[in-house]
Each structure stands twice: as C-alpha cells, then as structure tokens.
Amino acid sequence: MTEAPVRSALLAVLAEILPGLSPAEVTDDKTLDELGADSVDRVEIVTGLVHRLGQDRSIAALADEPDIGRLIARLSEGSAG
C-alpha cells in the first residue's frame, strides 16, 4: 500500500477524534501528542486507522511510533504486524 491512502485515512480519523485540528497541522514530524491527542485519543486514532485500512496490527506496536511520518510509513508497509 502506498502512503497516500494511509495519510487520507489518518486525516479522516483525526477529523473525527480531534475535530478542531486543521489538516495543515498534520505534518510528518509531529507526534499525536503535539496534535493535541491525549492517551485515550491516541488509542482511538490508531485503532480507527487500523480498522479503516483493514489491517490486523498490534495497536501497542503502532503506538510506539515516534511521529506521524513513521506511523504512516509503518502502516504503508503492509498488513503484517
């Protein structure tokens, strides 16, 4: 999977969970914390993203990704996890 559909899915999930967030604020170097997500939001974002993409991934492993760019890259690698 390329990064474009992962990025699109991420923006859709972020719009649901952090409705005040502008898509322009979502840059690869930002963390979910920096975007205003608390611990519950982060779990909901990663869970929603994995669900939208139809992937079977470890939520805990993805939560360890340091920033948006790495999270997108990891989810673009495929559905194994």
N, C-alpha and C. Protein backbone atom coordinates (compact mmCIF):
# COMPACT_ATOMS: atom_id res chain seq x y z
N MET A 1 0.85 -1.17 0.00
CA MET A 1 0.00 0.00 0.00
C MET A 1 0.90 1.24 0.00
N THR A 2 0.50 2.23 -0.75
CA THR A 2 1.27 3.47 -0.76
C THR A 2 0.88 4.34 0.43
N GLU A 3 1.65 5.39 0.64
CA GLU A 3 1.38 6.27 1.78
C GLU A 3 0.13 7.13 1.60
N ALA A 4 -0.26 7.42 0.37
CA ALA A 4 -1.40 8.32 0.13
C ALA A 4 -2.70 7.83 0.78
N PRO A 5 -3.10 6.56 0.60
CA PRO A 5 -4.35 6.14 1.26
C PRO A 5 -4.23 6.08 2.78
N VAL A 6 -3.05 5.80 3.28
CA VAL A 6 -2.84 5.78 4.73
C VAL A 6 -2.97 7.20 5.28
N ARG A 7 -2.36 8.15 4.60
CA ARG A 7 -2.45 9.55 5.02
C ARG A 7 -3.90 10.04 4.98
N SER A 8 -4.61 9.68 3.92
CA SER A 8 -6.02 10.07 3.79
C SER A 8 -6.86 9.48 4.92
N ALA A 9 -6.64 8.21 5.23
CA ALA A 9 -7.36 7.56 6.33
C ALA A 9 -7.02 8.22 7.66
N LEU A 10 -5.76 8.54 7.86
CA LEU A 10 -5.34 9.21 9.10
C LEU A 10 -6.04 10.55 9.26
N LEU A 11 -6.08 11.33 8.20
CA LEU A 11 -6.74 12.63 8.27
C LEU A 11 -8.23 12.48 8.59
N ALA A 12 -8.88 11.45 8.03
CA ALA A 12 -10.30 11.22 8.30
C ALA A 12 -10.51 10.84 9.77
N VAL A 13 -9.65 9.97 10.30
CA VAL A 13 -9.77 9.56 11.70
C VAL A 13 -9.49 10.75 12.62
N LEU A 14 -8.47 11.52 12.30
CA LEU A 14 -8.16 12.70 13.13
C LEU A 14 -9.31 13.69 13.13
N ALA A 15 -9.99 13.87 11.99
CA ALA A 15 -11.12 14.79 11.92
C ALA A 15 -12.25 14.35 12.84
N GLU A 16 -12.41 13.04 13.00
CA GLU A 16 -13.46 12.53 13.89
C GLU A 16 -13.10 12.69 15.36
N ILE A 17 -11.85 12.44 15.68
CA ILE A 17 -11.44 12.40 17.09
C ILE A 17 -10.93 13.75 17.60
N LEU A 18 -10.31 14.51 16.72
CA LEU A 18 -9.81 15.86 17.07
C LEU A 18 -10.42 16.86 16.07
N PRO A 19 -11.72 17.13 16.19
CA PRO A 19 -12.42 17.93 15.18
C PRO A 19 -11.89 19.36 15.00
N GLY A 20 -11.21 19.90 15.96
CA GLY A 20 -10.68 21.26 15.84
C GLY A 20 -9.33 21.33 15.12
N LEU A 21 -8.79 20.18 14.77
CA LEU A 21 -7.47 20.11 14.15
C LEU A 21 -7.55 20.39 12.65
N SER A 22 -6.70 21.28 12.18
CA SER A 22 -6.61 21.57 10.75
C SER A 22 -5.71 20.54 10.08
N PRO A 23 -6.09 20.04 8.89
CA PRO A 23 -5.22 19.10 8.18
C PRO A 23 -3.82 19.67 7.93
N ALA A 24 -3.70 20.96 7.81
CA ALA A 24 -2.40 21.60 7.58
C ALA A 24 -1.46 21.41 8.78
N GLU A 25 -2.04 21.18 9.96
CA GLU A 25 -1.23 20.98 11.17
C GLU A 25 -0.62 19.58 11.23
N VAL A 26 -1.13 18.66 10.41
CA VAL A 26 -0.70 17.26 10.46
C VAL A 26 0.50 17.09 9.53
N THR A 27 1.68 17.23 10.11
CA THR A 27 2.92 17.08 9.35
C THR A 27 3.68 15.86 9.85
N ASP A 28 4.52 15.31 9.01
CA ASP A 28 5.21 14.07 9.32
C ASP A 28 6.07 14.14 10.59
N ASP A 29 6.54 15.31 10.94
CA ASP A 29 7.42 15.42 12.10
C ASP A 29 6.67 15.58 13.42
N LYS A 30 5.37 15.73 13.38
CA LYS A 30 4.56 15.92 14.59
C LYS A 30 4.21 14.57 15.22
N THR A 31 4.04 14.60 16.52
CA THR A 31 3.54 13.43 17.24
C THR A 31 2.04 13.63 17.47
N LEU A 32 1.36 12.55 17.81
CA LEU A 32 -0.06 12.68 18.14
C LEU A 32 -0.24 13.57 19.37
N ASP A 33 0.69 13.50 20.31
CA ASP A 33 0.65 14.38 21.49
C ASP A 33 0.69 15.85 21.06
N GLU A 34 1.60 16.16 20.16
CA GLU A 34 1.75 17.55 19.69
C GLU A 34 0.50 18.04 18.96
N LEU A 35 -0.27 17.11 18.41
CA LEU A 35 -1.50 17.49 17.72
C LEU A 35 -2.68 17.64 18.69
N GLY A 36 -2.43 17.36 19.97
CA GLY A 36 -3.47 17.55 20.98
C GLY A 36 -4.16 16.29 21.43
N ALA A 37 -3.66 15.13 21.01
CA ALA A 37 -4.28 13.86 21.40
C ALA A 37 -3.79 13.44 22.78
N ASP A 38 -4.75 13.08 23.64
CA ASP A 38 -4.36 12.51 24.94
C ASP A 38 -4.23 10.99 24.77
N SER A 39 -3.97 10.27 25.84
CA SER A 39 -3.71 8.83 25.73
C SER A 39 -4.91 8.07 25.17
N VAL A 40 -6.11 8.44 25.58
CA VAL A 40 -7.31 7.78 25.05
C VAL A 40 -7.48 8.10 23.57
N ASP A 41 -7.29 9.37 23.21
CA ASP A 41 -7.37 9.77 21.80
C ASP A 41 -6.38 8.97 20.95
N ARG A 42 -5.17 8.81 21.44
CA ARG A 42 -4.14 8.09 20.67
C ARG A 42 -4.56 6.66 20.38
N VAL A 43 -5.10 5.99 21.38
CA VAL A 43 -5.57 4.62 21.18
C VAL A 43 -6.72 4.61 20.16
N GLU A 44 -7.65 5.55 20.28
CA GLU A 44 -8.77 5.62 19.35
C GLU A 44 -8.30 5.94 17.93
N ILE A 45 -7.32 6.80 17.79
CA ILE A 45 -6.79 7.16 16.47
C ILE A 45 -6.14 5.94 15.82
N VAL A 46 -5.26 5.28 16.54
CA VAL A 46 -4.56 4.12 15.96
C VAL A 46 -5.54 2.99 15.67
N THR A 47 -6.48 2.73 16.59
CA THR A 47 -7.48 1.69 16.38
C THR A 47 -8.35 2.02 15.16
N GLY A 48 -8.81 3.25 15.08
CA GLY A 48 -9.64 3.66 13.95
C GLY A 48 -8.90 3.58 12.63
N LEU A 49 -7.64 3.93 12.65
CA LEU A 49 -6.82 3.90 11.44
C LEU A 49 -6.61 2.47 10.97
N VAL A 50 -6.25 1.59 11.87
CA VAL A 50 -6.05 0.18 11.51
C VAL A 50 -7.36 -0.42 10.97
N HIS A 51 -8.47 -0.08 11.62
CA HIS A 51 -9.78 -0.58 11.17
C HIS A 51 -10.12 -0.07 9.77
N ARG A 52 -9.94 1.22 9.53
CA ARG A 52 -10.23 1.80 8.20
C ARG A 52 -9.40 1.16 7.10
N LEU A 53 -8.17 0.83 7.44
CA LEU A 53 -7.27 0.26 6.44
C LEU A 53 -7.44 -1.25 6.30
N GLY A 54 -8.26 -1.85 7.18
CA GLY A 54 -8.49 -3.29 7.12
C GLY A 54 -7.26 -4.11 7.46
N GLN A 55 -6.43 -3.56 8.33
CA GLN A 55 -5.20 -4.24 8.71
C GLN A 55 -5.35 -4.92 10.07
N ASP A 56 -4.60 -5.97 10.25
CA ASP A 56 -4.57 -6.69 11.51
C ASP A 56 -3.22 -6.39 12.16
N ARG A 57 -3.17 -5.32 12.92
CA ARG A 57 -1.91 -4.83 13.50
C ARG A 57 -2.00 -4.75 15.02
N SER A 58 -0.86 -4.81 15.64
CA SER A 58 -0.77 -4.60 17.08
C SER A 58 -0.88 -3.11 17.36
N ILE A 59 -1.91 -2.74 18.08
CA ILE A 59 -2.10 -1.33 18.44
C ILE A 59 -0.93 -0.85 19.30
N ALA A 60 -0.48 -1.69 20.20
CA ALA A 60 0.63 -1.31 21.08
C ALA A 60 1.90 -1.02 20.30
N ALA A 61 2.18 -1.84 19.30
CA ALA A 61 3.39 -1.62 18.48
C ALA A 61 3.30 -0.32 17.71
N LEU A 62 2.13 -0.02 17.18
CA LEU A 62 1.96 1.22 16.41
C LEU A 62 2.00 2.45 17.31
N ALA A 63 1.54 2.31 18.52
CA ALA A 63 1.55 3.44 19.45
C ALA A 63 2.96 3.88 19.80
N ASP A 64 3.94 3.00 19.56
CA ASP A 64 5.33 3.34 19.85
C ASP A 64 6.00 4.15 18.74
N GLU A 65 5.32 4.32 17.60
CA GLU A 65 5.92 5.08 16.51
C GLU A 65 6.14 6.53 16.97
N PRO A 66 7.31 7.09 16.68
CA PRO A 66 7.67 8.39 17.24
C PRO A 66 6.93 9.59 16.63
N ASP A 67 6.48 9.48 15.39
CA ASP A 67 5.82 10.63 14.77
C ASP A 67 4.88 10.17 13.65
N ILE A 68 4.14 11.12 13.10
CA ILE A 68 3.15 10.85 12.06
C ILE A 68 3.80 10.19 10.84
N GLY A 69 4.94 10.69 10.43
CA GLY A 69 5.62 10.15 9.25
C GLY A 69 5.96 8.68 9.41
N ARG A 70 6.47 8.32 10.57
CA ARG A 70 6.85 6.92 10.80
C ARG A 70 5.61 6.04 10.93
N LEU A 71 4.54 6.56 11.55
CA LEU A 71 3.30 5.81 11.66
C LEU A 71 2.74 5.51 10.26
N ILE A 72 2.73 6.51 9.41
CA ILE A 72 2.24 6.32 8.03
C ILE A 72 3.13 5.33 7.28
N ALA A 73 4.43 5.47 7.42
CA ALA A 73 5.34 4.55 6.74
C ALA A 73 5.13 3.11 7.20
N ARG A 74 4.97 2.93 8.49
CA ARG A 74 4.78 1.57 9.04
C ARG A 74 3.49 0.95 8.53
N LEU A 75 2.41 1.73 8.49
CA LEU A 75 1.14 1.21 8.01
C LEU A 75 1.15 0.98 6.50
N SER A 76 2.02 1.67 5.80
CA SER A 76 2.14 1.51 4.35
C SER A 76 2.91 0.25 3.99
N GLU A 77 3.64 -0.31 4.95
CA GLU A 77 4.48 -1.48 4.69
C GLU A 77 3.68 -2.74 4.39
N GLY A 78 2.41 -2.77 4.75
CA GLY A 78 1.59 -3.95 4.53
C GLY A 78 0.78 -4.29 5.75
N SER A 79 0.11 -5.42 5.70
CA SER A 79 -0.82 -5.75 6.76
C SER A 79 -0.25 -6.67 7.83
N ALA A 80 0.97 -7.12 7.66
CA ALA A 80 1.56 -7.96 8.70
C ALA A 80 1.95 -7.09 9.88
N GLY A 81 1.89 -7.61 11.06
CA GLY A 81 2.28 -6.74 12.14
C GLY A 81 2.50 -7.46 13.39
